[in-house]
PDB file of N, CA and C in Angstrom:
ATOM      1  N   MET A   1      47.415 -21.489  42.401  1.00  0.00           N
ATOM      2  CA  MET A   1      46.965 -22.848  42.686  1.00  0.00           C
ATOM      3  C   MET A   1      46.367 -23.408  41.391  1.00  0.00           C
ATOM      4  N   SER A   2      46.728 -24.612  41.024  1.00  0.00           N
ATOM      5  CA  SER A   2      46.225 -25.197  39.792  1.00  0.00           C
ATOM      6  C   SER A   2      44.741 -25.518  39.910  1.00  0.00           C
ATOM      7  N   LYS A   3      44.105 -25.606  38.759  1.00  0.00           N
ATOM      8  CA  LYS A   3      42.671 -25.915  38.746  1.00  0.00           C
ATOM      9  C   LYS A   3      42.404 -27.285  39.363  1.00  0.00           C
ATOM     10  N   THR A   4      43.282 -28.230  39.117  1.00  0.00           N
ATOM     11  CA  THR A   4      43.101 -29.572  39.667  1.00  0.00           C
ATOM     12  C   THR A   4      43.187 -29.551  41.188  1.00  0.00           C
ATOM     13  N   ALA A   5      44.165 -28.829  41.714  1.00  0.00           N
ATOM     14  CA  ALA A   5      44.306 -28.752  43.168  1.00  0.00           C
ATOM     15  C   ALA A   5      43.115 -28.038  43.786  1.00  0.00           C
ATOM     16  N   LEU A   6      42.659 -26.965  43.131  1.00  0.00           N
ATOM     17  CA  LEU A   6      41.501 -26.230  43.634  1.00  0.00           C
ATOM     18  C   LEU A   6      40.254 -27.109  43.606  1.00  0.00           C
ATOM     19  N   ALA A   7      40.066 -27.843  42.519  1.00  0.00           N
ATOM     20  CA  ALA A   7      38.904 -28.728  42.420  1.00  0.00           C
ATOM     21  C   ALA A   7      38.960 -29.811  43.495  1.00  0.00           C
ATOM     22  N   ALA A   8      40.136 -30.368  43.723  1.00  0.00           N
ATOM     23  CA  ALA A   8      40.279 -31.396  44.760  1.00  0.00           C
ATOM     24  C   ALA A   8      39.985 -30.819  46.135  1.00  0.00           C
ATOM     25  N   LEU A   9      40.455 -29.610  46.382  1.00  0.00           N
ATOM     26  CA  LEU A   9      40.206 -28.948  47.663  1.00  0.00           C
ATOM     27  C   LEU A   9      38.717 -28.715  47.868  1.00  0.00           C
ATOM     28  N   LEU A  10      38.040 -28.247  46.829  1.00  0.00           N
ATOM     29  CA  LEU A  10      36.603 -27.996  46.934  1.00  0.00           C
ATOM     30  C   LEU A  10      35.817 -29.289  47.122  1.00  0.00           C
ATOM     31  N   LEU A  11      36.207 -30.322  46.429  1.00  0.00           N
ATOM     32  CA  LEU A  11      35.515 -31.596  46.596  1.00  0.00           C
ATOM     33  C   LEU A  11      35.690 -32.125  48.014  1.00  0.00           C
ATOM     34  N   CYS A  12      36.869 -31.948  48.559  1.00  0.00           N
ATOM     35  CA  CYS A  12      37.087 -32.371  49.951  1.00  0.00           C
ATOM     36  C   CYS A  12      36.209 -31.565  50.897  1.00  0.00           C
ATOM     37  N   ALA A  13      36.079 -30.275  50.611  1.00  0.00           N
ATOM     38  CA  ALA A  13      35.244 -29.425  51.464  1.00  0.00           C
ATOM     39  C   ALA A  13      33.797 -29.893  51.424  1.00  0.00           C
ATOM     40  N   LEU A  14      33.308 -30.133  50.233  1.00  0.00           N
ATOM     41  CA  LEU A  14      31.933 -30.605  50.113  1.00  0.00           C
ATOM     42  C   LEU A  14      31.793 -32.031  50.629  1.00  0.00           C
ATOM     43  N   ALA A  15      32.824 -32.811  50.432  1.00  0.00           N
ATOM     44  CA  ALA A  15      32.765 -34.210  50.833  1.00  0.00           C
ATOM     45  C   ALA A  15      32.630 -34.371  52.333  1.00  0.00           C
ATOM     46  N   SER A  16      33.190 -33.498  53.064  1.00  0.00           N
ATOM     47  CA  SER A  16      33.148 -33.618  54.519  1.00  0.00           C
ATOM     48  C   SER A  16      31.763 -33.399  55.086  1.00  0.00           C
ATOM     49  N   GLY A  17      30.845 -32.919  54.288  1.00  0.00           N
ATOM     50  CA  GLY A  17      29.479 -32.691  54.755  1.00  0.00           C
ATOM     51  C   GLY A  17      28.698 -33.971  54.940  1.00  0.00           C
ATOM     52  N   GLY A  18      29.233 -35.081  54.548  1.00  0.00           N
ATOM     53  CA  GLY A  18      28.523 -36.340  54.635  1.00  0.00           C
ATOM     54  C   GLY A  18      28.449 -36.940  56.018  1.00  0.00           C
ATOM     55  N   CYS A  19      28.969 -36.274  57.011  1.00  0.00           N
ATOM     56  CA  CYS A  19      28.946 -36.857  58.350  1.00  0.00           C
ATOM     57  C   CYS A  19      27.671 -36.512  59.104  1.00  0.00           C
ATOM     58  N   ALA A  20      26.799 -35.769  58.492  1.00  0.00           N
ATOM     59  CA  ALA A  20      25.555 -35.377  59.167  1.00  0.00           C
ATOM     60  C   ALA A  20      24.516 -36.478  59.028  1.00  0.00           C
ATOM     61  N   THR A  21      23.559 -36.454  59.907  1.00  0.00           N
ATOM     62  CA  THR A  21      22.443 -37.381  59.812  1.00  0.00           C
ATOM     63  C   THR A  21      21.163 -36.587  59.685  1.00  0.00           C
ATOM     64  N   LYS A  22      20.225 -37.134  58.980  1.00  0.00           N
ATOM     65  CA  LYS A  22      18.963 -36.440  58.755  1.00  0.00           C
ATOM     66  C   LYS A  22      17.967 -36.823  59.831  1.00  0.00           C
ATOM     67  N   LYS A  23      17.364 -35.814  60.431  1.00  0.00           N
ATOM     68  CA  LYS A  23      16.299 -36.047  61.395  1.00  0.00           C
ATOM     69  C   LYS A  23      14.979 -35.971  60.650  1.00  0.00           C
ATOM     70  N   GLU A  24      14.123 -36.890  60.930  1.00  0.00           N
ATOM     71  CA  GLU A  24      12.798 -36.849  60.348  1.00  0.00           C
ATOM     72  C   GLU A  24      11.929 -35.924  61.176  1.00  0.00           C
ATOM     73  N   GLU A  25      11.527 -34.830  60.581  1.00  0.00           N
ATOM     74  CA  GLU A  25      10.662 -33.880  61.252  1.00  0.00           C
ATOM     75  C   GLU A  25       9.475 -33.612  60.350  1.00  0.00           C
ATOM     76  N   PRO A  26       8.348 -33.279  60.940  1.00  0.00           N
ATOM     77  CA  PRO A  26       7.194 -32.980  60.109  1.00  0.00           C
ATOM     78  C   PRO A  26       7.465 -31.752  59.252  1.00  0.00           C
ATOM     79  N   LYS A  27       7.018 -31.832  58.014  1.00  0.00           N
ATOM     80  CA  LYS A  27       7.186 -30.703  57.109  1.00  0.00           C
ATOM     81  C   LYS A  27       6.128 -29.664  57.421  1.00  0.00           C
ATOM     82  N   THR A  28       6.560 -28.429  57.448  1.00  0.00           N
ATOM     83  CA  THR A  28       5.629 -27.337  57.692  1.00  0.00           C
ATOM     84  C   THR A  28       5.735 -26.340  56.567  1.00  0.00           C
ATOM     85  N   SER A  29       4.664 -25.641  56.320  1.00  0.00           N
ATOM     86  CA  SER A  29       4.672 -24.611  55.295  1.00  0.00           C
ATOM     87  C   SER A  29       5.358 -23.379  55.843  1.00  0.00           C
ATOM     88  N   PRO A  30       6.170 -22.706  55.011  1.00  0.00           N
ATOM     89  CA  PRO A  30       6.798 -21.488  55.485  1.00  0.00           C
ATOM     90  C   PRO A  30       5.760 -20.394  55.678  1.00  0.00           C
ATOM     91  N   SER A  31       6.050 -19.475  56.577  1.00  0.00           N
ATOM     92  CA  SER A  31       5.133 -18.362  56.780  1.00  0.00           C
ATOM     93  C   SER A  31       5.122 -17.507  55.524  1.00  0.00           C
ATOM     94  N   PRO A  32       4.068 -16.716  55.293  1.00  0.00           N
ATOM     95  CA  PRO A  32       3.932 -15.963  54.052  1.00  0.00           C
ATOM     96  C   PRO A  32       5.157 -15.147  53.665  1.00  0.00           C
ATOM     97  N   GLY A  33       5.884 -14.564  54.580  1.00  0.00           N
ATOM     98  CA  GLY A  33       7.034 -13.743  54.233  1.00  0.00           C
ATOM     99  C   GLY A  33       8.340 -14.501  54.202  1.00  0.00           C
ATOM    100  N   ALA A  34       8.345 -15.770  54.537  1.00  0.00           N
ATOM    101  CA  ALA A  34       9.590 -16.525  54.658  1.00  0.00           C
ATOM    102  C   ALA A  34       9.922 -17.234  53.363  1.00  0.00           C
ATOM    103  N   THR A  35      10.556 -16.522  52.421  1.00  0.00           N
ATOM    104  CA  THR A  35      10.908 -17.135  51.156  1.00  0.00           C
ATOM    105  C   THR A  35      12.406 -17.287  50.976  1.00  0.00           C
ATOM    106  N   ALA A  36      13.223 -16.722  51.840  1.00  0.00           N
ATOM    107  CA  ALA A  36      14.669 -16.849  51.707  1.00  0.00           C
ATOM    108  C   ALA A  36      15.063 -18.306  51.869  1.00  0.00           C
ATOM    109  N   GLY A  37      15.886 -18.787  50.923  1.00  0.00           N
ATOM    110  CA  GLY A  37      16.362 -20.152  51.016  1.00  0.00           C
ATOM    111  C   GLY A  37      15.369 -21.181  50.522  1.00  0.00           C
ATOM    112  N   THR A  38      14.343 -20.745  49.807  1.00  0.00           N
ATOM    113  CA  THR A  38      13.369 -21.692  49.286  1.00  0.00           C
ATOM    114  C   THR A  38      13.392 -21.651  47.772  1.00  0.00           C
ATOM    115  N   THR A  39      13.031 -22.764  47.175  1.00  0.00           N
ATOM    116  CA  THR A  39      12.879 -22.812  45.731  1.00  0.00           C
ATOM    117  C   THR A  39      11.599 -23.547  45.419  1.00  0.00           C
ATOM    118  N   ALA A  40      10.978 -23.159  44.338  1.00  0.00           N
ATOM    119  CA  ALA A  40       9.762 -23.837  43.914  1.00  0.00           C
ATOM    120  C   ALA A  40      10.113 -24.735  42.742  1.00  0.00           C
ATOM    121  N   SER A  41       9.642 -25.944  42.773  1.00  0.00           N
ATOM    122  CA  SER A  41       9.844 -26.869  41.676  1.00  0.00           C
ATOM    123  C   SER A  41       8.558 -27.647  41.490  1.00  0.00           C
ATOM    124  N   PRO A  42       8.309 -28.064  40.254  1.00  0.00           N
ATOM    125  CA  PRO A  42       7.064 -28.788  40.034  1.00  0.00           C
ATOM    126  C   PRO A  42       7.065 -30.122  40.758  1.00  0.00           C
ATOM    127  N   SER A  43       5.956 -30.445  41.360  1.00  0.00           N
ATOM    128  CA  SER A  43       5.796 -31.746  41.989  1.00  0.00           C
ATOM    129  C   SER A  43       5.135 -32.671  40.977  1.00  0.00           C
ATOM    130  N   PRO A  44       5.076 -33.968  41.264  1.00  0.00           N
ATOM    131  CA  PRO A  44       4.496 -34.896  40.299  1.00  0.00           C
ATOM    132  C   PRO A  44       3.100 -34.505  39.833  1.00  0.00           C
ATOM    133  N   GLY A  45       2.316 -33.868  40.679  1.00  0.00           N
ATOM    134  CA  GLY A  45       0.973 -33.461  40.299  1.00  0.00           C
ATOM    135  C   GLY A  45       0.940 -32.214  39.444  1.00  0.00           C
ATOM    136  N   GLY A  46       2.092 -31.560  39.239  1.00  0.00           N
ATOM    137  CA  GLY A  46       2.152 -30.387  38.404  1.00  0.00           C
ATOM    138  C   GLY A  46       2.123 -29.084  39.184  1.00  0.00           C
ATOM    139  N   SER A  47       1.744 -29.113  40.451  1.00  0.00           N
ATOM    140  CA  SER A  47       1.731 -27.881  41.227  1.00  0.00           C
ATOM    141  C   SER A  47       3.098 -27.696  41.879  1.00  0.00           C
ATOM    142  N   PRO A  48       3.531 -26.445  42.077  1.00  0.00           N
ATOM    143  CA  PRO A  48       4.859 -26.237  42.646  1.00  0.00           C
ATOM    144  C   PRO A  48       4.936 -26.667  44.108  1.00  0.00           C
ATOM    145  N   SER A  49       6.065 -27.216  44.484  1.00  0.00           N
ATOM    146  CA  SER A  49       6.301 -27.551  45.883  1.00  0.00           C
ATOM    147  C   SER A  49       7.474 -26.704  46.351  1.00  0.00           C
ATOM    148  N   THR A  50       7.475 -26.335  47.596  1.00  0.00           N
ATOM    149  CA  THR A  50       8.522 -25.471  48.118  1.00  0.00           C
ATOM    150  C   THR A  50       9.413 -26.266  49.054  1.00  0.00           C
ATOM    151  N   VAL A  51      10.711 -26.151  48.834  1.00  0.00           N
ATOM    152  CA  VAL A  51      11.700 -26.805  49.678  1.00  0.00           C
ATOM    153  C   VAL A  51      12.518 -25.705  50.336  1.00  0.00           C
ATOM    154  N   ASP A  52      12.636 -25.748  51.634  1.00  0.00           N
ATOM    155  CA  ASP A  52      13.430 -24.774  52.373  1.00  0.00           C
ATOM    156  C   ASP A  52      14.865 -25.289  52.458  1.00  0.00           C
ATOM    157  N   ALA A  53      15.718 -24.743  51.608  1.00  0.00           N
ATOM    158  CA  ALA A  53      17.107 -25.196  51.532  1.00  0.00           C
ATOM    159  C   ALA A  53      17.838 -25.015  52.856  1.00  0.00           C
ATOM    160  N   GLN A  54      17.537 -23.947  53.567  1.00  0.00           N
ATOM    161  CA  GLN A  54      18.207 -23.721  54.846  1.00  0.00           C
ATOM    162  C   GLN A  54      17.838 -24.797  55.864  1.00  0.00           C
ATOM    163  N   SER A  55      16.600 -25.243  55.847  1.00  0.00           N
ATOM    164  CA  SER A  55      16.190 -26.330  56.749  1.00  0.00           C
ATOM    165  C   SER A  55      16.880 -27.634  56.376  1.00  0.00           C
ATOM    166  N   VAL A  56      16.981 -27.901  55.076  1.00  0.00           N
ATOM    167  CA  VAL A  56      17.677 -29.104  54.616  1.00  0.00           C
ATOM    168  C   VAL A  56      19.132 -29.042  55.079  1.00  0.00           C
ATOM    169  N   TYR A  57      19.751 -27.869  54.935  1.00  0.00           N
ATOM    170  CA  TYR A  57      21.136 -27.688  55.381  1.00  0.00           C
ATOM    171  C   TYR A  57      21.263 -27.948  56.883  1.00  0.00           C
ATOM    172  N   LYS A  58      20.376 -27.348  57.653  1.00  0.00           N
ATOM    173  CA  LYS A  58      20.447 -27.495  59.115  1.00  0.00           C
ATOM    174  C   LYS A  58      20.276 -28.948  59.547  1.00  0.00           C
ATOM    175  N   GLN A  59      19.446 -29.694  58.845  1.00  0.00           N
ATOM    176  CA  GLN A  59      19.177 -31.083  59.215  1.00  0.00           C
ATOM    177  C   GLN A  59      20.264 -32.044  58.750  1.00  0.00           C
ATOM    178  N   ASN A  60      21.026 -31.671  57.717  1.00  0.00           N
ATOM    179  CA  ASN A  60      21.932 -32.638  57.109  1.00  0.00           C
ATOM    180  C   ASN A  60      23.392 -32.224  57.006  1.00  0.00           C
ATOM    181  N   CYS A  61      23.681 -30.945  57.059  1.00  0.00           N
ATOM    182  CA  CYS A  61      25.021 -30.474  56.717  1.00  0.00           C
ATOM    183  C   CYS A  61      25.742 -29.735  57.839  1.00  0.00           C
ATOM    184  N   ILE A  62      24.982 -29.197  58.767  1.00  0.00           N
ATOM    185  CA  ILE A  62      25.520 -28.282  59.775  1.00  0.00           C
ATOM    186  C   ILE A  62      26.580 -28.914  60.673  1.00  0.00           C
ATOM    187  N   SER A  63      26.492 -30.205  60.917  1.00  0.00           N
ATOM    188  CA  SER A  63      27.447 -30.837  61.832  1.00  0.00           C
ATOM    189  C   SER A  63      28.869 -30.823  61.276  1.00  0.00           C
ATOM    190  N   CYS A  64      29.025 -30.811  59.972  1.00  0.00           N
ATOM    191  CA  CYS A  64      30.363 -30.754  59.373  1.00  0.00           C
ATOM    192  C   CYS A  64      30.699 -29.371  58.819  1.00  0.00           C
ATOM    193  N   HIS A  65      29.702 -28.689  58.279  1.00  0.00           N
ATOM    194  CA  HIS A  65      29.949 -27.409  57.609  1.00  0.00           C
ATOM    195  C   HIS A  65      29.683 -26.197  58.489  1.00  0.00           C
ATOM    196  N   GLY A  66      29.083 -26.371  59.655  1.00  0.00           N
ATOM    197  CA  GLY A  66      28.909 -25.288  60.609  1.00  0.00           C
ATOM    198  C   GLY A  66      27.682 -24.429  60.381  1.00  0.00           C
ATOM    199  N   ASP A  67      27.362 -23.631  61.396  1.00  0.00           N
ATOM    200  CA  ASP A  67      26.195 -22.749  61.355  1.00  0.00           C
ATOM    201  C   ASP A  67      26.257 -21.741  60.217  1.00  0.00           C
ATOM    202  N   ASN A  68      27.460 -21.267  59.915  1.00  0.00           N
ATOM    203  CA  ASN A  68      27.634 -20.215  58.915  1.00  0.00           C
ATOM    204  C   ASN A  68      28.443 -20.684  57.714  1.00  0.00           C
ATOM    205  N   LEU A  69      28.416 -21.971  57.429  1.00  0.00           N
ATOM    206  CA  LEU A  69      29.135 -22.577  56.305  1.00  0.00           C
ATOM    207  C   LEU A  69      30.652 -22.500  56.470  1.00  0.00           C
ATOM    208  N   GLU A  70      31.108 -22.164  57.678  1.00  0.00           N
ATOM    209  CA  GLU A  70      32.528 -21.925  57.933  1.00  0.00           C
ATOM    210  C   GLU A  70      33.347 -23.203  58.039  1.00  0.00           C
ATOM    211  N   GLY A  71      32.702 -24.330  58.153  1.00  0.00           N
ATOM    212  CA  GLY A  71      33.406 -25.598  58.277  1.00  0.00           C
ATOM    213  C   GLY A  71      33.755 -25.895  59.718  1.00  0.00           C
ATOM    214  N   LYS A  72      33.514 -27.123  60.136  1.00  0.00           N
ATOM    215  CA  LYS A  72      33.796 -27.531  61.511  1.00  0.00           C
ATOM    216  C   LYS A  72      34.819 -28.658  61.566  1.00  0.00           C
ATOM    217  N   MET A  73      35.248 -29.124  60.413  1.00  0.00           N
ATOM    218  CA  MET A  73      36.149 -30.277  60.379  1.00  0.00           C
ATOM    219  C   MET A  73      37.391 -29.953  59.553  1.00  0.00           C
ATOM    220  N   GLY A  74      37.896 -28.737  59.703  1.00  0.00           N
ATOM    221  CA  GLY A  74      39.067 -28.320  58.945  1.00  0.00           C
ATOM    222  C   GLY A  74      38.685 -27.392  57.807  1.00  0.00           C
ATOM    223  N   GLY A  75      39.690 -26.800  57.201  1.00  0.00           N
ATOM    224  CA  GLY A  75      39.473 -25.824  56.137  1.00  0.00           C
ATOM    225  C   GLY A  75      38.733 -26.356  54.927  1.00  0.00           C
ATOM    226  N   ASN A  76      38.841 -27.645  54.680  1.00  0.00           N
ATOM    227  CA  ASN A  76      38.181 -28.217  53.506  1.00  0.00           C
ATOM    228  C   ASN A  76      36.670 -28.269  53.634  1.00  0.00           C
ATOM    229  N   THR A  77      36.146 -28.067  54.826  1.00  0.00           N
ATOM    230  CA  THR A  77      34.690 -28.108  54.994  1.00  0.00           C
ATOM    231  C   THR A  77      34.069 -26.720  54.942  1.00  0.00           C
ATOM    232  N   ASN A  78      34.886 -25.686  54.742  1.00  0.00           N
ATOM    233  CA  ASN A  78      34.384 -24.320  54.615  1.00  0.00           C
ATOM    234  C   ASN A  78      33.768 -24.159  53.230  1.00  0.00           C
ATOM    235  N   ILE A  79      32.457 -23.937  53.189  1.00  0.00           N
ATOM    236  CA  ILE A  79      31.760 -23.770  51.913  1.00  0.00           C
ATOM    237  C   ILE A  79      31.061 -22.415  51.846  1.00  0.00           C
ATOM    238  N   ALA A  80      31.583 -21.441  52.603  1.00  0.00           N
ATOM    239  CA  ALA A  80      30.962 -20.120  52.667  1.00  0.00           C
ATOM    240  C   ALA A  80      30.898 -19.441  51.302  1.00  0.00           C
ATOM    241  N   LYS A  81      31.845 -19.734  50.419  1.00  0.00           N
ATOM    242  CA  LYS A  81      31.872 -19.113  49.091  1.00  0.00           C
ATOM    243  C   LYS A  81      31.935 -20.174  47.997  1.00  0.00           C
ATOM    244  N   VAL A  82      31.310 -21.295  48.232  1.00  0.00           N
ATOM    245  CA  VAL A  82      31.383 -22.407  47.293  1.00  0.00           C
ATOM    246  C   VAL A  82      30.801 -22.052  45.924  1.00  0.00           C
ATOM    247  N   GLY A  83      29.810 -21.168  45.892  1.00  0.00           N
ATOM    248  CA  GLY A  83      29.202 -20.773  44.624  1.00  0.00           C
ATOM    249  C   GLY A  83      30.136 -20.004  43.717  1.00  0.00           C
ATOM    250  N   ALA A  84      31.190 -19.418  44.271  1.00  0.00           N
ATOM    251  CA  ALA A  84      32.184 -18.720  43.463  1.00  0.00           C
ATOM    252  C   ALA A  84      33.120 -19.711  42.772  1.00  0.00           C
ATOM    253  N   LYS A  85      33.107 -20.956  43.227  1.00  0.00           N
ATOM    254  CA  LYS A  85      34.039 -21.955  42.713  1.00  0.00           C
ATOM    255  C   LYS A  85      33.362 -23.077  41.940  1.00  0.00           C
ATOM    256  N   LEU A  86      32.142 -23.420  42.342  1.00  0.00           N
ATOM    257  CA  LEU A  86      31.437 -24.533  41.705  1.00  0.00           C
ATOM    258  C   LEU A  86      30.067 -24.085  41.214  1.00  0.00           C
ATOM    259  N   SER A  87      29.640 -24.646  40.102  1.00  0.00           N
ATOM    260  CA  SER A  87      28.305 -24.366  39.569  1.00  0.00           C
ATOM    261  C   SER A  87      27.252 -25.120  40.381  1.00  0.00           C
ATOM    262  N   LYS A  88      26.016 -24.736  40.192  1.00  0.00           N
ATOM    263  CA  LYS A  88      24.905 -25.418  40.865  1.00  0.00           C
ATOM    264  C   LYS A  88      24.922 -26.907  40.523  1.00  0.00           C
ATOM    265  N   ASP A  89      25.160 -27.234  39.257  1.00  0.00           N
ATOM    266  CA  ASP A  89      25.163 -28.637  38.840  1.00  0.00           C
ATOM    267  C   ASP A  89      26.285 -29.431  39.511  1.00  0.00           C
ATOM    268  N   LYS A  90      27.468 -28.829  39.636  1.00  0.00           N
ATOM    269  CA  LYS A  90      28.583 -29.526  40.285  1.00  0.00           C
ATOM    270  C   LYS A  90      28.321 -29.699  41.778  1.00  0.00           C
ATOM    271  N   ILE A  91      27.698 -28.690  42.388  1.00  0.00           N
ATOM    272  CA  ILE A  91      27.357 -28.802  43.808  1.00  0.00           C
ATOM    273  C   ILE A  91      26.321 -29.906  43.998  1.00  0.00           C
ATOM    274  N   ALA A  92      25.300 -29.935  43.138  1.00  0.00           N
ATOM    275  CA  ALA A  92      24.264 -30.970  43.224  1.00  0.00           C
ATOM    276  C   ALA A  92      24.878 -32.358  43.040  1.00  0.00           C
ATOM    277  N   ASN A  93      25.819 -32.484  42.115  1.00  0.00           N
ATOM    278  CA  ASN A  93      26.490 -33.761  41.884  1.00  0.00           C
ATOM    279  C   ASN A  93      27.274 -34.198  43.121  1.00  0.00           C
ATOM    280  N   GLN A  94      27.964 -33.250  43.754  1.00  0.00           N
ATOM    281  CA  GLN A  94      28.734 -33.573  44.962  1.00  0.00           C
ATOM    282  C   GLN A  94      27.810 -34.020  46.087  1.00  0.00           C
ATOM    283  N   ILE A  95      26.693 -33.320  46.256  1.00  0.00           N
ATOM    284  CA  ILE A  95      25.735 -33.691  47.301  1.00  0.00           C
ATOM    285  C   ILE A  95      25.158 -35.079  47.007  1.00  0.00           C
ATOM    286  N   SER A  96      24.785 -35.312  45.763  1.00  0.00           N
ATOM    287  CA  SER A  96      24.167 -36.585  45.377  1.00  0.00           C
ATOM    288  C   SER A  96      25.116 -37.765  45.508  1.00  0.00           C
ATOM    289  N   ASN A  97      26.327 -37.608  44.971  1.00  0.00           N
ATOM    290  CA  ASN A  97      27.240 -38.735  44.843  1.00  0.00           C
ATOM    291  C   ASN A  97      28.348 -38.779  45.884  1.00  0.00           C
ATOM    292  N   GLY A  98      28.539 -37.689  46.615  1.00  0.00           N
ATOM    293  CA  GLY A  98      29.581 -37.658  47.629  1.00  0.00           C
ATOM    294  C   GLY A  98      30.962 -37.790  47.030  1.00  0.00           C
ATOM    295  N   GLY A  99      31.900 -38.275  47.819  1.00  0.00           N
ATOM    296  CA  GLY A  99      33.274 -38.469  47.372  1.00  0.00           C
ATOM    297  C   GLY A  99      34.228 -37.606  48.164  1.00  0.00           C
ATOM    298  N   GLY A 100      35.481 -38.020  48.231  1.00  0.00           N
ATOM    299  CA  GLY A 100      36.492 -37.257  48.935  1.00  0.00           C
ATOM    300  C   GLY A 100      36.208 -37.109  50.417  1.00  0.00           C
ATOM    301  N   GLY A 101      35.567 -38.091  51.017  1.00  0.00           N
ATOM    302  CA  GLY A 101      35.249 -38.044  52.438  1.00  0.00           C
ATOM    303  C   GLY A 101      33.800 -37.706  52.737  1.00  0.00           C
ATOM    304  N   MET A 102      33.088 -37.226  51.756  1.00  0.00           N
ATOM    305  CA  MET A 102      31.673 -36.879  51.952  1.00  0.00           C
ATOM    306  C   MET A 102      30.808 -38.049  51.505  1.00  0.00           C
ATOM    307  N   MET A 103      29.825 -38.372  52.328  1.00  0.00           N
ATOM    308  CA  MET A 103      28.897 -39.433  51.946  1.00  0.00           C
ATOM    309  C   MET A 103      27.934 -38.932  50.872  1.00  0.00           C
ATOM    310  N   ALA A 104      27.377 -39.834  50.116  1.00  0.00           N
ATOM    311  CA  ALA A 104      26.376 -39.500  49.106  1.00  0.00           C
ATOM    312  C   ALA A 104      25.018 -39.319  49.775  1.00  0.00           C
ATOM    313  N   PHE A 105      24.288 -38.309  49.334  1.00  0.00           N
ATOM    314  CA  PHE A 105      22.960 -38.063  49.888  1.00  0.00           C
ATOM    315  C   PHE A 105      21.850 -38.494  48.932  1.00  0.00           C
ATOM    316  N   LYS A 106      22.219 -39.026  47.761  1.00  0.00           N
ATOM    317  CA  LYS A 106      21.207 -39.537  46.844  1.00  0.00           C
ATOM    318  C   LYS A 106      20.541 -40.725  47.519  1.00  0.00           C
ATOM    319  N   GLY A 107      19.226 -40.713  47.561  1.00  0.00           N
ATOM    320  CA  GLY A 107      18.486 -41.754  48.255  1.00  0.00           C
ATOM    321  C   GLY A 107      18.149 -41.356  49.678  1.00  0.00           C
ATOM    322  N   LYS A 108      18.934 -40.484  50.258  1.00  0.00           N
ATOM    323  CA  LYS A 108      18.654 -39.978  51.602  1.00  0.00           C
ATOM    324  C   LYS A 108      17.850 -38.682  51.515  1.00  0.00           C
ATOM    325  N   LEU A 109      18.214 -37.839  50.563  1.00  0.00           N
ATOM    326  CA  LEU A 109      17.479 -36.601  50.302  1.00  0.00           C
ATOM    327  C   LEU A 109      16.717 -36.757  48.996  1.00  0.00           C
ATOM    328  N   LYS A 110      15.595 -36.101  48.898  1.00  0.00           N
ATOM    329  CA  LYS A 110      14.830 -36.086  47.654  1.00  0.00           C
ATOM    330  C   LYS A 110      15.572 -35.225  46.638  1.00  0.00           C
ATOM    331  N   ASP A 111      15.343 -35.492  45.354  1.00  0.00           N
ATOM    332  CA  ASP A 111      15.971 -34.691  44.302  1.00  0.00           C
ATOM    333  C   ASP A 111      15.656 -33.211  44.477  1.00  0.00           C
ATOM    334  N   GLU A 112      14.426 -32.909  44.891  1.00  0.00           N
ATOM    335  CA  GLU A 112      14.027 -31.510  45.085  1.00  0.00           C
ATOM    336  C   GLU A 112      14.850 -30.865  46.199  1.00  0.00           C
ATOM    337  N   GLU A 113      15.145 -31.632  47.240  1.00  0.00           N
ATOM    338  CA  GLU A 113      15.951 -31.107  48.346  1.00  0.00           C
ATOM    339  C   GLU A 113      17.394 -30.876  47.911  1.00  0.00           C
ATOM    340  N   ILE A 114      17.935 -31.812  47.152  1.00  0.00           N
ATOM    341  CA  ILE A 114      19.302 -31.668  46.644  1.00  0.00           C
ATOM    342  C   ILE A 114      19.395 -30.453  45.737  1.00  0.00           C
ATOM    343  N   ASN A 115      18.436 -30.297  44.831  1.00  0.00           N
ATOM    344  CA  ASN A 115      18.455 -29.160  43.910  1.00  0.00           C
ATOM    345  C   ASN A 115      18.287 -27.834  44.637  1.00  0.00           C
ATOM    346  N   ALA A 116      17.406 -27.785  45.620  1.00  0.00           N
ATOM    347  CA  ALA A 116      17.208 -26.552  46.389  1.00  0.00           C
ATOM    348  C   ALA A 116      18.477 -26.202  47.159  1.00  0.00           C
ATOM    349  N   LEU A 117      19.096 -27.196  47.764  1.00  0.00           N
ATOM    350  CA  LEU A 117      20.326 -26.981  48.517  1.00  0.00           C
ATOM    351  C   LEU A 117      21.451 -26.521  47.589  1.00  0.00           C
ATOM    352  N   ALA A 118      21.568 -27.149  46.423  1.00  0.00           N
ATOM    353  CA  ALA A 118      22.603 -26.766  45.456  1.00  0.00           C
ATOM    354  C   ALA A 118      22.387 -25.342  44.954  1.00  0.00           C
ATOM    355  N   GLU A 119      21.146 -24.982  44.698  1.00  0.00           N
ATOM    356  CA  GLU A 119      20.848 -23.622  44.239  1.00  0.00           C
ATOM    357  C   GLU A 119      21.195 -22.598  45.320  1.00  0.00           C
ATOM    358  N   TRP A 120      20.839 -22.898  46.553  1.00  0.00           N
ATOM    359  CA  TRP A 120      21.123 -22.012  47.683  1.00  0.00           C
ATOM    360  C   TRP A 120      22.632 -21.853  47.871  1.00  0.00           C
ATOM    361  N   LEU A 121      23.366 -22.963  47.820  1.00  0.00           N
ATOM    362  CA  LEU A 121      24.818 -22.908  47.990  1.00  0.00           C
ATOM    363  C   LEU A 121      25.503 -22.218  46.812  1.00  0.00           C
ATOM    364  N   ALA A 122      24.982 -22.405  45.604  1.00  0.00           N
ATOM    365  CA  ALA A 122      25.569 -21.767  44.421  1.00  0.00           C
ATOM    366  C   ALA A 122      25.490 -20.245  44.511  1.00  0.00           C
ATOM    367  N   ALA A 123      24.550 -19.731  45.269  1.00  0.00           N
ATOM    368  CA  ALA A 123      24.416 -18.279  45.447  1.00  0.00           C
ATOM    369  C   ALA A 123      25.427 -17.735  46.459  1.00  0.00           C
ATOM    370  N   LYS A 124      26.137 -18.605  47.151  1.00  0.00           N
ATOM    371  CA  LYS A 124      27.127 -18.185  48.151  1.00  0.00           C
ATOM    372  C   LYS A 124      28.444 -17.885  47.442  1.00  0.00           C
ATOM    373  N   LYS A 125      28.692 -16.600  47.206  1.00  0.00           N
ATOM    374  CA  LYS A 125      29.890 -16.203  46.434  1.00  0.00           C
ATOM    375  C   LYS A 125      30.748 -15.225  47.176  1.00  0.00           C
TER     376      LYS A 125
END
């Protein structure tokens, strides 16, 4: 499969995730042992803030990409091994800007949420 075809296929897979809607829920601190799927990034005040990438995924992506990243809207929405194909930066760009059927989440998700989600997905290989 050519690189162009593979890239188009992956973009379509990520693009289909734009059909989810974000529910506004109160933010809670993770329990002391619950660090899987979280990343720390500096907040404007300089102290680290923690974003739970799995929660962001469940609130925004699960309706198209499924409980286990298997895809619910055809093969192009399967992102179970997206990290083997796309870098964290490319995943973050796809989430932010959308395209190929996926809506853009820039403005809907905070940059910290997009980065945490991209980092979490990039580890899926």
